Amino acid sequence: MPSTSPRGWPRRGRGFERWRRPVPHVFEYAVLRVIPRIERGECVNVGVLVYSAPLNFLKAAVHLDEARLRALDPTVDLAAVEAQLSSLRAVCAGGPAAGAAGTTTIGRRFRWLTAPRSTIIQAAPAHTGLTDDPERELAHLLRVLVLPPGEVARRP
């Protein structure tokens, strides 16, 4: 019969903490798309947003494939697209430089970034997962969902 006294409980060795596996945390992600001509509905995936409240993490990784974008619309304003992607990354980083959205909590920033809108850059619906390393998850999602097959990501 097991002991009910604390002295009789099994003791954990010194190495127990060292061998414990990291606990995965919930995260959300959304693919960023450029839709150069809204009326046609065609899009190119250009980035990924990853948000994890338990890990206090919000970051975007982008990869703008100009050739694929120009195939959909040869007249697309690439400078405007790059400027919008840059401001999106600034909102993820937070702070007054990102405007009013940059001064809110990371959860509100993620919801603001993924809200439906009719601009040239739109976020796809958010999805969830589990991770113990959101930075690694961000790189993985960029590679799988955005980069052309066989291409290696530059730093996000």
C-alpha atoms as a PDB file:
ATOM      1  CA  MET A   1       0.000   0.000   0.000  1.00  0.00           C
ATOM      2  CA  PRO A   2       1.425   3.404  -0.960  1.00  0.00           C
ATOM      3  CA  SER A   3       2.491   5.677   1.832  1.00  0.00           C
ATOM      4  CA  THR A   4       0.452   8.793   2.593  1.00  0.00           C
ATOM      5  CA  SER A   5       3.331  10.384   4.460  1.00  0.00           C
ATOM      6  CA  PRO A   6       5.536  12.882   2.582  1.00  0.00           C
ATOM      7  CA  ARG A   7       8.585  10.949   3.814  1.00  0.00           C
ATOM      8  CA  GLY A   8       7.354   7.902   1.925  1.00  0.00           C
ATOM      9  CA  TRP A   9       6.830   9.691  -1.388  1.00  0.00           C
ATOM     10  CA  PRO A  10       9.296   8.915  -4.155  1.00  0.00           C
ATOM     11  CA  ARG A  11      12.000  11.528  -4.456  1.00  0.00           C
ATOM     12  CA  ARG A  12      13.067  13.011  -7.679  1.00  0.00           C
ATOM     13  CA  GLY A  13      16.750  13.111  -8.371  1.00  0.00           C
ATOM     14  CA  ARG A  14      18.764  16.237  -9.058  1.00  0.00           C
ATOM     15  CA  GLY A  15      18.611  15.705 -12.801  1.00  0.00           C
ATOM     16  CA  PHE A  16      14.827  15.693 -13.056  1.00  0.00           C
ATOM     17  CA  GLU A  17      14.527  19.381 -14.057  1.00  0.00           C
ATOM     18  CA  ARG A  18      17.330  19.023 -16.544  1.00  0.00           C
ATOM     19  CA  TRP A  19      15.603  16.207 -18.434  1.00  0.00           C
ATOM     20  CA  ARG A  20      12.103  17.611 -18.463  1.00  0.00           C
ATOM     21  CA  ARG A  21      10.869  18.354 -21.981  1.00  0.00           C
ATOM     22  CA  PRO A  22       9.727  21.884 -22.819  1.00  0.00           C
ATOM     23  CA  VAL A  23       5.971  22.305 -22.615  1.00  0.00           C
ATOM     24  CA  PRO A  24       4.492  23.418 -25.926  1.00  0.00           C
ATOM     25  CA  HIS A  25       2.511  26.639 -25.922  1.00  0.00           C
ATOM     26  CA  VAL A  26      -0.430  27.648 -28.072  1.00  0.00           C
ATOM     27  CA  PHE A  27       0.378  29.939 -30.973  1.00  0.00           C
ATOM     28  CA  GLU A  28      -1.590  31.454 -33.828  1.00  0.00           C
ATOM     29  CA  TYR A  29      -0.408  32.220 -37.315  1.00  0.00           C
ATOM     30  CA  ALA A  30      -1.752  33.863 -40.441  1.00  0.00           C
ATOM     31  CA  VAL A  31      -0.378  33.930 -43.965  1.00  0.00           C
ATOM     32  CA  LEU A  32       0.129  37.405 -45.462  1.00  0.00           C
ATOM     33  CA  ARG A  33      -1.000  37.759 -49.061  1.00  0.00           C
ATOM     34  CA  VAL A  34      -0.551  40.435 -51.681  1.00  0.00           C
ATOM     35  CA  ILE A  35      -3.610  40.843 -53.884  1.00  0.00           C
ATOM     36  CA  PRO A  36      -2.463  43.265 -56.582  1.00  0.00           C
ATOM     37  CA  ARG A  37      -5.869  43.519 -58.273  1.00  0.00           C
ATOM     38  CA  ILE A  38      -8.690  43.060 -55.789  1.00  0.00           C
ATOM     39  CA  GLU A  39     -11.285  42.588 -58.534  1.00  0.00           C
ATOM     40  CA  ARG A  40      -9.451  39.478 -59.836  1.00  0.00           C
ATOM     41  CA  GLY A  41      -8.915  37.882 -56.424  1.00  0.00           C
ATOM     42  CA  GLU A  42      -5.491  36.466 -57.349  1.00  0.00           C
ATOM     43  CA  CYS A  43      -2.852  36.515 -54.644  1.00  0.00           C
ATOM     44  CA  VAL A  44       0.756  35.707 -53.800  1.00  0.00           C
ATOM     45  CA  ASN A  45       1.745  34.580 -50.306  1.00  0.00           C
ATOM     46  CA  VAL A  46       4.420  36.990 -49.082  1.00  0.00           C
ATOM     47  CA  GLY A  47       4.751  36.371 -45.363  1.00  0.00           C
ATOM     48  CA  VAL A  48       3.610  34.849 -42.107  1.00  0.00           C
ATOM     49  CA  LEU A  49       2.547  36.353 -38.769  1.00  0.00           C
ATOM     50  CA  VAL A  50       3.133  34.276 -35.632  1.00  0.00           C
ATOM     51  CA  TYR A  51       1.615  35.201 -32.265  1.00  0.00           C
ATOM     52  CA  SER A  52       1.890  33.422 -28.920  1.00  0.00           C
ATOM     53  CA  ALA A  53       0.352  35.068 -25.850  1.00  0.00           C
ATOM     54  CA  PRO A  54       2.007  32.720 -23.304  1.00  0.00           C
ATOM     55  CA  LEU A  55       5.425  33.416 -24.828  1.00  0.00           C
ATOM     56  CA  ASN A  56       4.739  37.150 -25.400  1.00  0.00           C
ATOM     57  CA  PHE A  57       5.729  36.723 -29.052  1.00  0.00           C
ATOM     58  CA  LEU A  58       4.533  38.534 -32.179  1.00  0.00           C
ATOM     59  CA  LYS A  59       6.632  38.631 -35.303  1.00  0.00           C
ATOM     60  CA  ALA A  60       6.292  38.665 -39.074  1.00  0.00           C
ATOM     61  CA  ALA A  61       8.597  37.071 -41.613  1.00  0.00           C
ATOM     62  CA  VAL A  62       8.241  38.186 -45.226  1.00  0.00           C
ATOM     63  CA  HIS A  63       9.576  37.170 -48.610  1.00  0.00           C
ATOM     64  CA  LEU A  64       8.491  39.257 -51.589  1.00  0.00           C
ATOM     65  CA  ASP A  65       8.869  37.337 -54.852  1.00  0.00           C
ATOM     66  CA  GLU A  66       8.757  40.181 -57.364  1.00  0.00           C
ATOM     67  CA  ALA A  67       8.598  37.902 -60.418  1.00  0.00           C
ATOM     68  CA  ARG A  68       5.544  36.025 -59.132  1.00  0.00           C
ATOM     69  CA  LEU A  69       3.851  39.287 -58.208  1.00  0.00           C
ATOM     70  CA  ARG A  70       4.583  40.872 -61.595  1.00  0.00           C
ATOM     71  CA  ALA A  71       3.171  37.756 -63.289  1.00  0.00           C
ATOM     72  CA  LEU A  72      -0.195  38.640 -61.745  1.00  0.00           C
ATOM     73  CA  ASP A  73       0.077  42.373 -62.360  1.00  0.00           C
ATOM     74  CA  PRO A  74       2.970  43.866 -64.350  1.00  0.00           C
ATOM     75  CA  THR A  75       2.033  47.353 -63.113  1.00  0.00           C
ATOM     76  CA  VAL A  76       2.057  46.557 -59.376  1.00  0.00           C
ATOM     77  CA  ASP A  77       3.740  49.248 -57.257  1.00  0.00           C
ATOM     78  CA  LEU A  78       6.466  47.185 -55.561  1.00  0.00           C
ATOM     79  CA  ALA A  79       7.703  50.145 -53.511  1.00  0.00           C
ATOM     80  CA  ALA A  80       4.224  50.573 -51.993  1.00  0.00           C
ATOM     81  CA  VAL A  81       3.993  46.839 -51.227  1.00  0.00           C
ATOM     82  CA  GLU A  82       7.424  46.872 -49.564  1.00  0.00           C
ATOM     83  CA  ALA A  83       6.469  49.972 -47.554  1.00  0.00           C
ATOM     84  CA  GLN A  84       3.282  48.297 -46.290  1.00  0.00           C
ATOM     85  CA  LEU A  85       5.195  45.129 -45.361  1.00  0.00           C
ATOM     86  CA  SER A  86       7.740  47.259 -43.519  1.00  0.00           C
ATOM     87  CA  SER A  87       5.024  49.048 -41.538  1.00  0.00           C
ATOM     88  CA  LEU A  88       3.433  45.681 -40.753  1.00  0.00           C
ATOM     89  CA  ARG A  89       6.723  44.466 -39.257  1.00  0.00           C
ATOM     90  CA  ALA A  90       6.942  47.719 -37.267  1.00  0.00           C
ATOM     91  CA  VAL A  91       3.494  47.085 -35.779  1.00  0.00           C
ATOM     92  CA  CYS A  92       4.639  43.579 -34.787  1.00  0.00           C
ATOM     93  CA  ALA A  93       7.692  45.054 -33.052  1.00  0.00           C
ATOM     94  CA  GLY A  94       5.497  47.623 -31.288  1.00  0.00           C
ATOM     95  CA  GLY A  95       6.375  51.044 -29.968  1.00  0.00           C
ATOM     96  CA  PRO A  96       5.373  54.590 -30.861  1.00  0.00           C
ATOM     97  CA  ALA A  97       7.160  54.437 -34.232  1.00  0.00           C
ATOM     98  CA  ALA A  98       4.445  52.032 -35.417  1.00  0.00           C
ATOM     99  CA  GLY A  99       1.653  54.499 -34.705  1.00  0.00           C
ATOM    100  CA  ALA A 100      -1.406  53.921 -32.545  1.00  0.00           C
ATOM    101  CA  ALA A 101      -1.527  50.185 -33.291  1.00  0.00           C
ATOM    102  CA  GLY A 102       2.059  49.775 -32.120  1.00  0.00           C
ATOM    103  CA  THR A 103       1.275  50.969 -28.609  1.00  0.00           C
ATOM    104  CA  THR A 104      -1.373  48.325 -27.831  1.00  0.00           C
ATOM    105  CA  THR A 105      -0.845  44.823 -26.426  1.00  0.00           C
ATOM    106  CA  ILE A 106       0.575  42.165 -28.722  1.00  0.00           C
ATOM    107  CA  GLY A 107      -2.764  40.351 -28.743  1.00  0.00           C
ATOM    108  CA  ARG A 108      -4.575  43.443 -29.988  1.00  0.00           C
ATOM    109  CA  ARG A 109      -1.838  44.059 -32.550  1.00  0.00           C
ATOM    110  CA  PHE A 110      -2.221  40.514 -33.910  1.00  0.00           C
ATOM    111  CA  ARG A 111      -6.013  40.896 -34.108  1.00  0.00           C
ATOM    112  CA  TRP A 112      -5.611  44.283 -35.805  1.00  0.00           C
ATOM    113  CA  LEU A 113      -3.139  42.855 -38.340  1.00  0.00           C
ATOM    114  CA  THR A 114      -5.367  39.873 -39.138  1.00  0.00           C
ATOM    115  CA  ALA A 115      -8.655  41.798 -39.334  1.00  0.00           C
ATOM    116  CA  PRO A 116     -10.358  41.575 -42.748  1.00  0.00           C
ATOM    117  CA  ARG A 117      -9.623  44.534 -44.991  1.00  0.00           C
ATOM    118  CA  SER A 118      -9.737  45.427 -48.651  1.00  0.00           C
ATOM    119  CA  THR A 119      -6.172  46.637 -49.079  1.00  0.00           C
ATOM    120  CA  ILE A 120      -3.513  45.163 -51.334  1.00  0.00           C
ATOM    121  CA  ILE A 121      -2.000  43.210 -48.395  1.00  0.00           C
ATOM    122  CA  GLN A 122      -4.384  40.920 -46.534  1.00  0.00           C
ATOM    123  CA  ALA A 123      -4.020  38.266 -43.859  1.00  0.00           C
ATOM    124  CA  ALA A 124      -5.551  34.858 -44.434  1.00  0.00           C
ATOM    125  CA  PRO A 125      -7.683  33.397 -41.630  1.00  0.00           C
ATOM    126  CA  ALA A 126      -5.694  32.625 -38.479  1.00  0.00           C
ATOM    127  CA  HIS A 127      -4.793  29.052 -37.562  1.00  0.00           C
ATOM    128  CA  THR A 128      -3.506  27.587 -34.291  1.00  0.00           C
ATOM    129  CA  GLY A 129      -0.817  25.168 -33.223  1.00  0.00           C
ATOM    130  CA  LEU A 130       1.537  24.215 -30.402  1.00  0.00           C
ATOM    131  CA  THR A 131       5.202  25.172 -30.165  1.00  0.00           C
ATOM    132  CA  ASP A 132       7.996  25.597 -27.670  1.00  0.00           C
ATOM    133  CA  ASP A 133       9.997  27.783 -30.087  1.00  0.00           C
ATOM    134  CA  PRO A 134       7.926  30.391 -31.981  1.00  0.00           C
ATOM    135  CA  GLU A 135      10.979  31.736 -33.820  1.00  0.00           C
ATOM    136  CA  ARG A 136      11.650  28.277 -35.276  1.00  0.00           C
ATOM    137  CA  GLU A 137       7.938  27.908 -36.083  1.00  0.00           C
ATOM    138  CA  LEU A 138       7.994  31.245 -37.920  1.00  0.00           C
ATOM    139  CA  ALA A 139      10.909  30.111 -40.103  1.00  0.00           C
ATOM    140  CA  HIS A 140       9.219  26.754 -40.759  1.00  0.00           C
ATOM    141  CA  LEU A 141       5.909  28.352 -41.762  1.00  0.00           C
ATOM    142  CA  LEU A 142       7.679  30.828 -44.047  1.00  0.00           C
ATOM    143  CA  ARG A 143       9.525  27.968 -45.750  1.00  0.00           C
ATOM    144  CA  VAL A 144       6.413  25.784 -46.145  1.00  0.00           C
ATOM    145  CA  LEU A 145       3.730  28.383 -46.950  1.00  0.00           C
ATOM    146  CA  VAL A 146       5.539  31.244 -48.682  1.00  0.00           C
ATOM    147  CA  LEU A 147       8.886  30.369 -50.231  1.00  0.00           C
ATOM    148  CA  PRO A 148       9.013  28.666 -53.623  1.00  0.00           C
ATOM    149  CA  PRO A 149      10.013  24.993 -53.271  1.00  0.00           C
ATOM    150  CA  GLY A 150      13.748  24.573 -52.760  1.00  0.00           C
ATOM    151  CA  GLU A 151      14.419  28.196 -51.814  1.00  0.00           C
ATOM    152  CA  VAL A 152      16.120  29.003 -48.504  1.00  0.00           C
ATOM    153  CA  ALA A 153      14.787  31.836 -46.342  1.00  0.00           C
ATOM    154  CA  ARG A 154      16.785  34.962 -45.684  1.00  0.00           C
ATOM    155  CA  ARG A 155      16.604  36.346 -42.164  1.00  0.00           C
ATOM    156  CA  PRO A 156      12.976  37.341 -41.410  1.00  0.00           C
END
